[in-house]
C-alpha atoms as a PDB file:
ATOM      1  CA  MET A   1     -29.998  15.286   4.641  1.00  0.00           C
ATOM      2  CA  LYS A   2     -26.130  14.956   5.081  1.00  0.00           C
ATOM      3  CA  LEU A   3     -23.975  17.530   6.986  1.00  0.00           C
ATOM      4  CA  PRO A   4     -21.030  18.921   4.572  1.00  0.00           C
ATOM      5  CA  VAL A   5     -17.856  17.775   5.590  1.00  0.00           C
ATOM      6  CA  ILE A   6     -15.753  20.821   6.443  1.00  0.00           C
ATOM      7  CA  PRO A   7     -12.365  20.861   8.035  1.00  0.00           C
ATOM      8  CA  ALA A   8     -12.445  22.875  11.304  1.00  0.00           C
ATOM      9  CA  ARG A   9      -9.659  23.437  13.761  1.00  0.00           C
ATOM     10  CA  GLY A  10     -10.176  21.371  17.165  1.00  0.00           C
ATOM     11  CA  ASP A  11     -12.328  18.857  15.488  1.00  0.00           C
ATOM     12  CA  GLU A  12     -10.573  15.696  17.016  1.00  0.00           C
ATOM     13  CA  LYS A  13     -11.382  13.428  14.008  1.00  0.00           C
ATOM     14  CA  LEU A  14      -9.908  15.760  11.687  1.00  0.00           C
ATOM     15  CA  GLU A  15      -6.975  16.153  13.704  1.00  0.00           C
ATOM     16  CA  LEU A  16      -6.498  12.605  13.527  1.00  0.00           C
ATOM     17  CA  LEU A  17      -7.014  12.526   9.947  1.00  0.00           C
ATOM     18  CA  SER A  18      -4.368  15.397   9.467  1.00  0.00           C
ATOM     19  CA  GLN A  19      -2.018  12.942  11.044  1.00  0.00           C
ATOM     20  CA  ILE A  20      -2.910  10.087   9.170  1.00  0.00           C
ATOM     21  CA  VAL A  21      -2.331  12.271   5.907  1.00  0.00           C
ATOM     22  CA  SER A  22       1.040  13.233   7.082  1.00  0.00           C
ATOM     23  CA  LYS A  23       2.027   9.543   7.693  1.00  0.00           C
ATOM     24  CA  LEU A  24       0.694   8.566   4.421  1.00  0.00           C
ATOM     25  CA  GLU A  25       2.770  11.083   2.575  1.00  0.00           C
ATOM     26  CA  SER A  26       5.936  10.058   4.263  1.00  0.00           C
ATOM     27  CA  ARG A  27       8.816   8.245   2.730  1.00  0.00           C
ATOM     28  CA  GLU A  28       8.477   5.108   4.879  1.00  0.00           C
ATOM     29  CA  ALA A  29       4.884   4.770   4.105  1.00  0.00           C
ATOM     30  CA  LYS A  30       5.522   5.056   0.447  1.00  0.00           C
ATOM     31  CA  LYS A  31       8.383   2.558   0.455  1.00  0.00           C
ATOM     32  CA  LEU A  32       5.961   0.124   2.515  1.00  0.00           C
ATOM     33  CA  LEU A  33       3.259   0.537  -0.335  1.00  0.00           C
ATOM     34  CA  ALA A  34       5.803  -0.174  -2.949  1.00  0.00           C
ATOM     35  CA  ARG A  35       7.210  -3.294  -1.310  1.00  0.00           C
ATOM     36  CA  ASN A  36       3.777  -4.560  -1.090  1.00  0.00           C
ATOM     37  CA  GLY A  37       3.387  -4.362  -4.689  1.00  0.00           C
ATOM     38  CA  ILE A  38       0.898  -1.434  -4.876  1.00  0.00           C
ATOM     39  CA  SER A  39       1.434   0.967  -7.662  1.00  0.00           C
ATOM     40  CA  PRO A  40       1.387   3.572  -8.625  1.00  0.00           C
ATOM     41  CA  VAL A  41       2.301   4.642  -5.132  1.00  0.00           C
ATOM     42  CA  ASN A  42       1.170   8.317  -5.516  1.00  0.00           C
ATOM     43  CA  LYS A  43      -2.149   7.137  -6.571  1.00  0.00           C
ATOM     44  CA  ALA A  44      -2.473   4.575  -3.651  1.00  0.00           C
ATOM     45  CA  VAL A  45      -1.462   7.439  -1.147  1.00  0.00           C
ATOM     46  CA  GLU A  46      -4.408   9.747  -2.548  1.00  0.00           C
ATOM     47  CA  TYR A  47      -7.037   6.759  -2.224  1.00  0.00           C
ATOM     48  CA  LEU A  48      -6.013   5.801   1.088  1.00  0.00           C
ATOM     49  CA  LYS A  49      -6.278   9.782   1.986  1.00  0.00           C
ATOM     50  CA  VAL A  50      -9.865   9.333   0.549  1.00  0.00           C
ATOM     51  CA  MET A  51     -10.482   6.244   2.568  1.00  0.00           C
ATOM     52  CA  ALA A  52      -9.099   7.463   5.865  1.00  0.00           C
ATOM     53  CA  MET A  53     -11.482  10.516   5.408  1.00  0.00           C
ATOM     54  CA  PHE A  54     -14.803   8.687   5.478  1.00  0.00           C
ATOM     55  CA  PHE A  55     -14.563   7.618   9.292  1.00  0.00           C
ATOM     56  CA  GLU A  56     -18.407   7.275   9.733  1.00  0.00           C
ATOM     57  CA  LEU A  57     -19.093   8.319   6.043  1.00  0.00           C
ATOM     58  CA  GLU A  58     -20.301   6.370   3.004  1.00  0.00           C
ATOM     59  CA  ILE A  59     -17.151   6.381   0.723  1.00  0.00           C
ATOM     60  CA  SER A  60     -19.538   7.636  -2.073  1.00  0.00           C
ATOM     61  CA  TYR A  61     -20.651  10.482  -0.040  1.00  0.00           C
ATOM     62  CA  ALA A  62     -16.914  11.318   1.128  1.00  0.00           C
ATOM     63  CA  VAL A  63     -15.680  11.526  -2.499  1.00  0.00           C
ATOM     64  CA  SER A  64     -18.665  13.718  -3.285  1.00  0.00           C
ATOM     65  CA  GLU A  65     -17.964  16.034  -0.680  1.00  0.00           C
ATOM     66  CA  LEU A  66     -14.199  15.893  -1.509  1.00  0.00           C
ATOM     67  CA  ASN A  67     -14.859  16.784  -5.197  1.00  0.00           C
ATOM     68  CA  LYS A  68     -17.192  19.559  -4.252  1.00  0.00           C
ATOM     69  CA  ARG A  69     -14.997  21.425  -1.517  1.00  0.00           C
ATOM     70  CA  SER A  70     -11.700  22.921  -2.676  1.00  0.00           C
ATOM     71  CA  GLU A  71     -10.787  23.197   1.072  1.00  0.00           C
ATOM     72  CA  LEU A  72     -11.432  19.751   1.744  1.00  0.00           C
ATOM     73  CA  ARG A  73      -8.875  18.819  -1.078  1.00  0.00           C
ATOM     74  CA  LYS A  74      -6.415  21.105   0.383  1.00  0.00           C
ATOM     75  CA  PHE A  75      -6.662  19.923   3.873  1.00  0.00           C
ATOM     76  CA  LEU A  76      -5.945  16.408   2.565  1.00  0.00           C
ATOM     77  CA  ARG A  77      -3.261  17.945  -0.006  1.00  0.00           C
ATOM     78  CA  LEU A  78      -5.084  16.425  -2.923  1.00  0.00           C
ATOM     79  CA  ARG A  79      -4.484  18.530  -6.183  1.00  0.00           C
ATOM     80  CA  GLU A  80      -7.364  16.892  -8.339  1.00  0.00           C
ATOM     81  CA  GLU A  81     -10.895  15.486  -7.873  1.00  0.00           C
ATOM     82  CA  ILE A  82     -10.965  11.811  -7.244  1.00  0.00           C
ATOM     83  CA  LYS A  83     -13.138   9.454  -9.187  1.00  0.00           C
ATOM     84  CA  LEU A  84     -15.160   7.045  -6.844  1.00  0.00           C
ATOM     85  CA  ARG A  85     -14.739   4.117  -9.327  1.00  0.00           C
ATOM     86  CA  SER A  86     -10.870   4.656  -8.881  1.00  0.00           C
ATOM     87  CA  ILE A  87     -11.247   4.190  -5.258  1.00  0.00           C
ATOM     88  CA  TYR A  88     -13.432   1.193  -5.577  1.00  0.00           C
ATOM     89  CA  SER A  89     -10.892  -0.275  -7.934  1.00  0.00           C
ATOM     90  CA  PHE A  90      -8.002   0.209  -5.490  1.00  0.00           C
ATOM     91  CA  MET A  91     -10.041  -1.424  -2.508  1.00  0.00           C
ATOM     92  CA  SER A  92     -11.213  -4.379  -4.499  1.00  0.00           C
ATOM     93  CA  LYS A  93      -7.247  -5.351  -5.260  1.00  0.00           C
ATOM     94  CA  PHE A  94      -6.985  -6.298  -1.538  1.00  0.00           C
ATOM     95  CA  GLU A  95      -8.278  -9.032   1.106  1.00  0.00           C
ATOM     96  CA  ALA A  96      -9.781  -7.468   4.102  1.00  0.00           C
ATOM     97  CA  GLU A  97      -6.678  -8.795   6.337  1.00  0.00           C
ATOM     98  CA  GLN A  98      -4.078  -7.750   3.890  1.00  0.00           C
ATOM     99  CA  PHE A  99      -5.706  -4.096   3.589  1.00  0.00           C
ATOM    100  CA  ILE A 100      -5.819  -4.114   7.541  1.00  0.00           C
ATOM    101  CA  SER A 101      -2.300  -5.226   7.880  1.00  0.00           C
ATOM    102  CA  LEU A 102      -0.865  -2.809   5.430  1.00  0.00           C
ATOM    103  CA  VAL A 103      -2.709   0.179   7.061  1.00  0.00           C
ATOM    104  CA  PHE A 104      -1.609  -0.846  10.644  1.00  0.00           C
ATOM    105  CA  SER A 105       1.785  -1.147   9.254  1.00  0.00           C
ATOM    106  CA  ILE A 106       1.917   2.634   7.989  1.00  0.00           C
ATOM    107  CA  LEU A 107       0.267   3.862  11.018  1.00  0.00           C
ATOM    108  CA  VAL A 108       3.095   2.465  13.258  1.00  0.00           C
ATOM    109  CA  LEU A 109       5.769   4.179  11.313  1.00  0.00           C
END
């Protein structure tokens, strides 16, 4: 049985995730995504938030938890449920090195 993902104050992983979400929503991050040919930028930001969330979780479980828990969507500042297929489709556009480089570029903004 997997434990539910519930945002709680004081959880170090969720504090880090909160900082990552803020960076992803920044104007600079969106410009960086656009410069790298990633579009639509707003959807990419949503998918990156979900991918950041899964830390030690399977992506399918992270998406399931996100879609079940409105408080988790609120924490990640997502209005709608996410389709797992969309996440996998987004991820398939990148080579591993390209994706890692992009993520590091956003994190150092």
